[in-house]
Amino acid sequence: MGFDTDGRFLCHLDHPHDGLTAYEFGPDFWLGVHADELGVETVVVYELTMPEAA
């Protein structure tokens, strides 16, 4: 979940898939390691952006 500096809720990130372990969050990224069904690990980085205004 993302919050602004005043603690107001901004957005959330749905877990993209099983086998993903998050290691670091930054202001605009999520870094983790994904293990596939054979146990092969891949480093993944997801970009975090502000949601579009509704």
PDB file of N, CA and C in Angstrom:
ATOM      1  N   MET A   1       0.835  -1.176   0.000  1.00  0.00           N
ATOM      2  CA  MET A   1       0.000   0.000   0.000  1.00  0.00           C
ATOM      3  C   MET A   1       0.880   1.239   0.000  1.00  0.00           C
ATOM      4  N   GLY A   2       0.415   2.269  -0.649  1.00  0.00           N
ATOM      5  CA  GLY A   2       1.163   3.515  -0.698  1.00  0.00           C
ATOM      6  C   GLY A   2       0.418   4.623   0.025  1.00  0.00           C
ATOM      7  N   PHE A   3       1.159   5.409   0.787  1.00  0.00           N
ATOM      8  CA  PHE A   3       0.596   6.518   1.547  1.00  0.00           C
ATOM      9  C   PHE A   3       1.428   7.761   1.282  1.00  0.00           C
ATOM     10  N   ASP A   4       0.796   8.933   1.339  1.00  0.00           N
ATOM     11  CA  ASP A   4       1.565  10.160   1.180  1.00  0.00           C
ATOM     12  C   ASP A   4       2.200  10.540   2.516  1.00  0.00           C
ATOM     13  N   THR A   5       2.921  11.640   2.550  1.00  0.00           N
ATOM     14  CA  THR A   5       3.649  12.032   3.762  1.00  0.00           C
ATOM     15  C   THR A   5       2.725  12.400   4.914  1.00  0.00           C
ATOM     16  N   ASP A   6       1.444  12.676   4.630  1.00  0.00           N
ATOM     17  CA  ASP A   6       0.467  12.958   5.685  1.00  0.00           C
ATOM     18  C   ASP A   6      -0.271  11.703   6.137  1.00  0.00           C
ATOM     19  N   GLY A   7       0.096  10.565   5.579  1.00  0.00           N
ATOM     20  CA  GLY A   7      -0.519   9.302   5.970  1.00  0.00           C
ATOM     21  C   GLY A   7      -1.786   8.958   5.214  1.00  0.00           C
ATOM     22  N   ARG A   8      -2.146   9.737   4.192  1.00  0.00           N
ATOM     23  CA  ARG A   8      -3.342   9.439   3.407  1.00  0.00           C
ATOM     24  C   ARG A   8      -3.049   8.318   2.412  1.00  0.00           C
ATOM     25  N   PHE A   9      -4.002   7.411   2.306  1.00  0.00           N
ATOM     26  CA  PHE A   9      -3.869   6.292   1.376  1.00  0.00           C
ATOM     27  C   PHE A   9      -3.831   6.802  -0.052  1.00  0.00           C
ATOM     28  N   LEU A  10      -2.877   6.299  -0.848  1.00  0.00           N
ATOM     29  CA  LEU A  10      -2.767   6.674  -2.254  1.00  0.00           C
ATOM     30  C   LEU A  10      -3.129   5.533  -3.193  1.00  0.00           C
ATOM     31  N   CYS A  11      -2.581   4.352  -2.935  1.00  0.00           N
ATOM     32  CA  CYS A  11      -2.780   3.251  -3.868  1.00  0.00           C
ATOM     33  C   CYS A  11      -2.360   1.940  -3.208  1.00  0.00           C
ATOM     34  N   HIS A  12      -2.590   0.838  -3.916  1.00  0.00           N
ATOM     35  CA  HIS A  12      -2.119  -0.467  -3.461  1.00  0.00           C
ATOM     36  C   HIS A  12      -1.587  -1.236  -4.657  1.00  0.00           C
ATOM     37  N   LEU A  13      -0.786  -2.233  -4.378  1.00  0.00           N
ATOM     38  CA  LEU A  13      -0.220  -3.075  -5.427  1.00  0.00           C
ATOM     39  C   LEU A  13      -0.682  -4.494  -5.173  1.00  0.00           C
ATOM     40  N   ASP A  14      -1.395  -5.060  -6.130  1.00  0.00           N
ATOM     41  CA  ASP A  14      -1.784  -6.462  -6.030  1.00  0.00           C
ATOM     42  C   ASP A  14      -0.559  -7.316  -6.259  1.00  0.00           C
ATOM     43  N   HIS A  15      -0.438  -8.385  -5.481  1.00  0.00           N
ATOM     44  CA  HIS A  15       0.681  -9.312  -5.646  1.00  0.00           C
ATOM     45  C   HIS A  15       0.585  -9.920  -7.035  1.00  0.00           C
ATOM     46  N   PRO A  16       1.595  -9.704  -7.893  1.00  0.00           N
ATOM     47  CA  PRO A  16       1.486 -10.115  -9.286  1.00  0.00           C
ATOM     48  C   PRO A  16       1.421 -11.628  -9.521  1.00  0.00           C
ATOM     49  N   HIS A  17       2.069 -12.431  -8.679  1.00  0.00           N
ATOM     50  CA  HIS A  17       2.018 -13.880  -8.870  1.00  0.00           C
ATOM     51  C   HIS A  17       2.667 -14.583  -7.687  1.00  0.00           C
ATOM     52  N   ASP A  18       2.366 -15.863  -7.560  1.00  0.00           N
ATOM     53  CA  ASP A  18       2.987 -16.663  -6.507  1.00  0.00           C
ATOM     54  C   ASP A  18       4.472 -16.836  -6.796  1.00  0.00           C
ATOM     55  N   GLY A  19       5.239 -17.101  -5.767  1.00  0.00           N
ATOM     56  CA  GLY A  19       6.663 -17.347  -5.942  1.00  0.00           C
ATOM     57  C   GLY A  19       7.502 -16.087  -5.924  1.00  0.00           C
ATOM     58  N   LEU A  20       6.881 -14.939  -5.624  1.00  0.00           N
ATOM     59  CA  LEU A  20       7.617 -13.681  -5.605  1.00  0.00           C
ATOM     60  C   LEU A  20       7.922 -13.283  -4.171  1.00  0.00           C
ATOM     61  N   THR A  21       9.186 -13.016  -3.896  1.00  0.00           N
ATOM     62  CA  THR A  21       9.623 -12.535  -2.589  1.00  0.00           C
ATOM     63  C   THR A  21      10.101 -11.104  -2.756  1.00  0.00           C
ATOM     64  N   ALA A  22       9.477 -10.164  -2.044  1.00  0.00           N
ATOM     65  CA  ALA A  22       9.863  -8.751  -2.123  1.00  0.00           C
ATOM     66  C   ALA A  22      11.077  -8.515  -1.243  1.00  0.00           C
ATOM     67  N   TYR A  23      12.039  -7.750  -1.753  1.00  0.00           N
ATOM     68  CA  TYR A  23      13.248  -7.429  -0.998  1.00  0.00           C
ATOM     69  C   TYR A  23      13.399  -5.949  -0.705  1.00  0.00           C
ATOM     70  N   GLU A  24      12.907  -5.107  -1.600  1.00  0.00           N
ATOM     71  CA  GLU A  24      13.079  -3.673  -1.378  1.00  0.00           C
ATOM     72  C   GLU A  24      11.969  -2.907  -2.085  1.00  0.00           C
ATOM     73  N   PHE A  25      11.486  -1.876  -1.410  1.00  0.00           N
ATOM     74  CA  PHE A  25      10.515  -0.951  -1.989  1.00  0.00           C
ATOM     75  C   PHE A  25      11.154   0.418  -2.022  1.00  0.00           C
ATOM     76  N   GLY A  26      10.939   1.139  -3.095  1.00  0.00           N
ATOM     77  CA  GLY A  26      11.399   2.520  -3.186  1.00  0.00           C
ATOM     78  C   GLY A  26      10.227   3.400  -3.545  1.00  0.00           C
ATOM     79  N   PRO A  27      10.458   4.684  -3.746  1.00  0.00           N
ATOM     80  CA  PRO A  27       9.352   5.581  -4.059  1.00  0.00           C
ATOM     81  C   PRO A  27       8.691   5.270  -5.403  1.00  0.00           C
ATOM     82  N   ASP A  28       9.410   4.584  -6.290  1.00  0.00           N
ATOM     83  CA  ASP A  28       8.846   4.284  -7.602  1.00  0.00           C
ATOM     84  C   ASP A  28       9.191   2.882  -8.113  1.00  0.00           C
ATOM     85  N   PHE A  29       9.578   1.974  -7.211  1.00  0.00           N
ATOM     86  CA  PHE A  29       9.905   0.613  -7.654  1.00  0.00           C
ATOM     87  C   PHE A  29       9.659  -0.416  -6.547  1.00  0.00           C
ATOM     88  N   TRP A  30       9.568  -1.662  -6.984  1.00  0.00           N
ATOM     89  CA  TRP A  30       9.450  -2.810  -6.087  1.00  0.00           C
ATOM     90  C   TRP A  30      10.422  -3.842  -6.625  1.00  0.00           C
ATOM     91  N   LEU A  31      11.406  -4.240  -5.820  1.00  0.00           N
ATOM     92  CA  LEU A  31      12.444  -5.181  -6.218  1.00  0.00           C
ATOM     93  C   LEU A  31      12.211  -6.504  -5.509  1.00  0.00           C
ATOM     94  N   GLY A  32      12.291  -7.595  -6.255  1.00  0.00           N
ATOM     95  CA  GLY A  32      12.085  -8.899  -5.656  1.00  0.00           C
ATOM     96  C   GLY A  32      12.743 -10.002  -6.454  1.00  0.00           C
ATOM     97  N   VAL A  33      12.526 -11.223  -6.002  1.00  0.00           N
ATOM     98  CA  VAL A  33      13.018 -12.407  -6.692  1.00  0.00           C
ATOM     99  C   VAL A  33      11.831 -13.330  -6.919  1.00  0.00           C
ATOM    100  N   HIS A  34      11.677 -13.774  -8.157  1.00  0.00           N
ATOM    101  CA  HIS A  34      10.608 -14.704  -8.505  1.00  0.00           C
ATOM    102  C   HIS A  34      11.211 -16.078  -8.743  1.00  0.00           C
ATOM    103  N   ALA A  35      10.626 -17.094  -8.125  1.00  0.00           N
ATOM    104  CA  ALA A  35      11.035 -18.480  -8.357  1.00  0.00           C
ATOM    105  C   ALA A  35       9.937 -19.169  -9.165  1.00  0.00           C
ATOM    106  N   ASP A  36      10.304 -19.726 -10.323  1.00  0.00           N
ATOM    107  CA  ASP A  36       9.305 -20.400 -11.146  1.00  0.00           C
ATOM    108  C   ASP A  36       9.053 -21.813 -10.630  1.00  0.00           C
ATOM    109  N   GLU A  37       8.243 -22.569 -11.357  1.00  0.00           N
ATOM    110  CA  GLU A  37       7.853 -23.920 -10.912  1.00  0.00           C
ATOM    111  C   GLU A  37       9.022 -24.888 -10.845  1.00  0.00           C
ATOM    112  N   LEU A  38      10.146 -24.576 -11.504  1.00  0.00           N
ATOM    113  CA  LEU A  38      11.336 -25.422 -11.439  1.00  0.00           C
ATOM    114  C   LEU A  38      12.342 -24.931 -10.398  1.00  0.00           C
ATOM    115  N   GLY A  39      12.010 -23.827  -9.714  1.00  0.00           N
ATOM    116  CA  GLY A  39      12.902 -23.279  -8.701  1.00  0.00           C
ATOM    117  C   GLY A  39      13.933 -22.307  -9.252  1.00  0.00           C
ATOM    118  N   VAL A  40      13.832 -21.977 -10.549  1.00  0.00           N
ATOM    119  CA  VAL A  40      14.761 -21.024 -11.148  1.00  0.00           C
ATOM    120  C   VAL A  40      14.375 -19.624 -10.686  1.00  0.00           C
ATOM    121  N   GLU A  41      15.337 -18.900 -10.126  1.00  0.00           N
ATOM    122  CA  GLU A  41      15.078 -17.568  -9.589  1.00  0.00           C
ATOM    123  C   GLU A  41      15.465 -16.487 -10.590  1.00  0.00           C
ATOM    124  N   THR A  42      14.625 -15.461 -10.657  1.00  0.00           N
ATOM    125  CA  THR A  42      14.847 -14.317 -11.525  1.00  0.00           C
ATOM    126  C   THR A  42      14.612 -13.052 -10.714  1.00  0.00           C
ATOM    127  N   VAL A  43      15.528 -12.096 -10.823  1.00  0.00           N
ATOM    128  CA  VAL A  43      15.335 -10.802 -10.180  1.00  0.00           C
ATOM    129  C   VAL A  43      14.330 -10.011 -11.007  1.00  0.00           C
ATOM    130  N   VAL A  44      13.338  -9.418 -10.332  1.00  0.00           N
ATOM    131  CA  VAL A  44      12.319  -8.630 -11.017  1.00  0.00           C
ATOM    132  C   VAL A  44      12.216  -7.247 -10.371  1.00  0.00           C
ATOM    133  N   VAL A  45      11.927  -6.257 -11.188  1.00  0.00           N
ATOM    134  CA  VAL A  45      11.701  -4.896 -10.716  1.00  0.00           C
ATOM    135  C   VAL A  45      10.396  -4.420 -11.335  1.00  0.00           C
ATOM    136  N   TYR A  46       9.479  -3.978 -10.494  1.00  0.00           N
ATOM    137  CA  TYR A  46       8.208  -3.437 -10.963  1.00  0.00           C
ATOM    138  C   TYR A  46       8.202  -1.939 -10.728  1.00  0.00           C
ATOM    139  N   GLU A  47       7.757  -1.188 -11.714  1.00  0.00           N
ATOM    140  CA  GLU A  47       7.643   0.257 -11.581  1.00  0.00           C
ATOM    141  C   GLU A  47       6.353   0.578 -10.829  1.00  0.00           C
ATOM    142  N   LEU A  48       6.440   1.473  -9.874  1.00  0.00           N
ATOM    143  CA  LEU A  48       5.271   1.941  -9.133  1.00  0.00           C
ATOM    144  C   LEU A  48       4.936   3.336  -9.632  1.00  0.00           C
ATOM    145  N   THR A  49       3.696   3.527 -10.054  1.00  0.00           N
ATOM    146  CA  THR A  49       3.253   4.835 -10.540  1.00  0.00           C
ATOM    147  C   THR A  49       1.969   5.219  -9.821  1.00  0.00           C
ATOM    148  N   MET A  50       1.664   6.470  -9.845  1.00  0.00           N
ATOM    149  CA  MET A  50       0.434   6.958  -9.235  1.00  0.00           C
ATOM    150  C   MET A  50      -0.740   6.499 -10.079  1.00  0.00           C
ATOM    151  N   PRO A  51      -1.852   6.121  -9.439  1.00  0.00           N
ATOM    152  CA  PRO A  51      -3.029   5.709 -10.212  1.00  0.00           C
ATOM    153  C   PRO A  51      -3.643   6.900 -10.954  1.00  0.00           C
ATOM    154  N   GLU A  52      -4.296   6.595 -12.056  1.00  0.00           N
ATOM    155  CA  GLU A  52      -4.989   7.637 -12.809  1.00  0.00           C
ATOM    156  C   GLU A  52      -6.169   8.156 -11.994  1.00  0.00           C
ATOM    157  N   ALA A  53      -6.445   9.435 -12.087  1.00  0.00           N
ATOM    158  CA  ALA A  53      -7.596  10.007 -11.391  1.00  0.00           C
ATOM    159  C   ALA A  53      -8.874   9.467 -11.996  1.00  0.00           C
ATOM    160  N   ALA A  54      -9.820   9.115 -11.165  1.00  0.00           N
ATOM    161  CA  ALA A  54     -11.070   8.528 -11.651  1.00  0.00           C
ATOM    162  C   ALA A  54     -12.089   9.581 -12.008  1.00  0.00           C
TER     163      ALA A  54
END
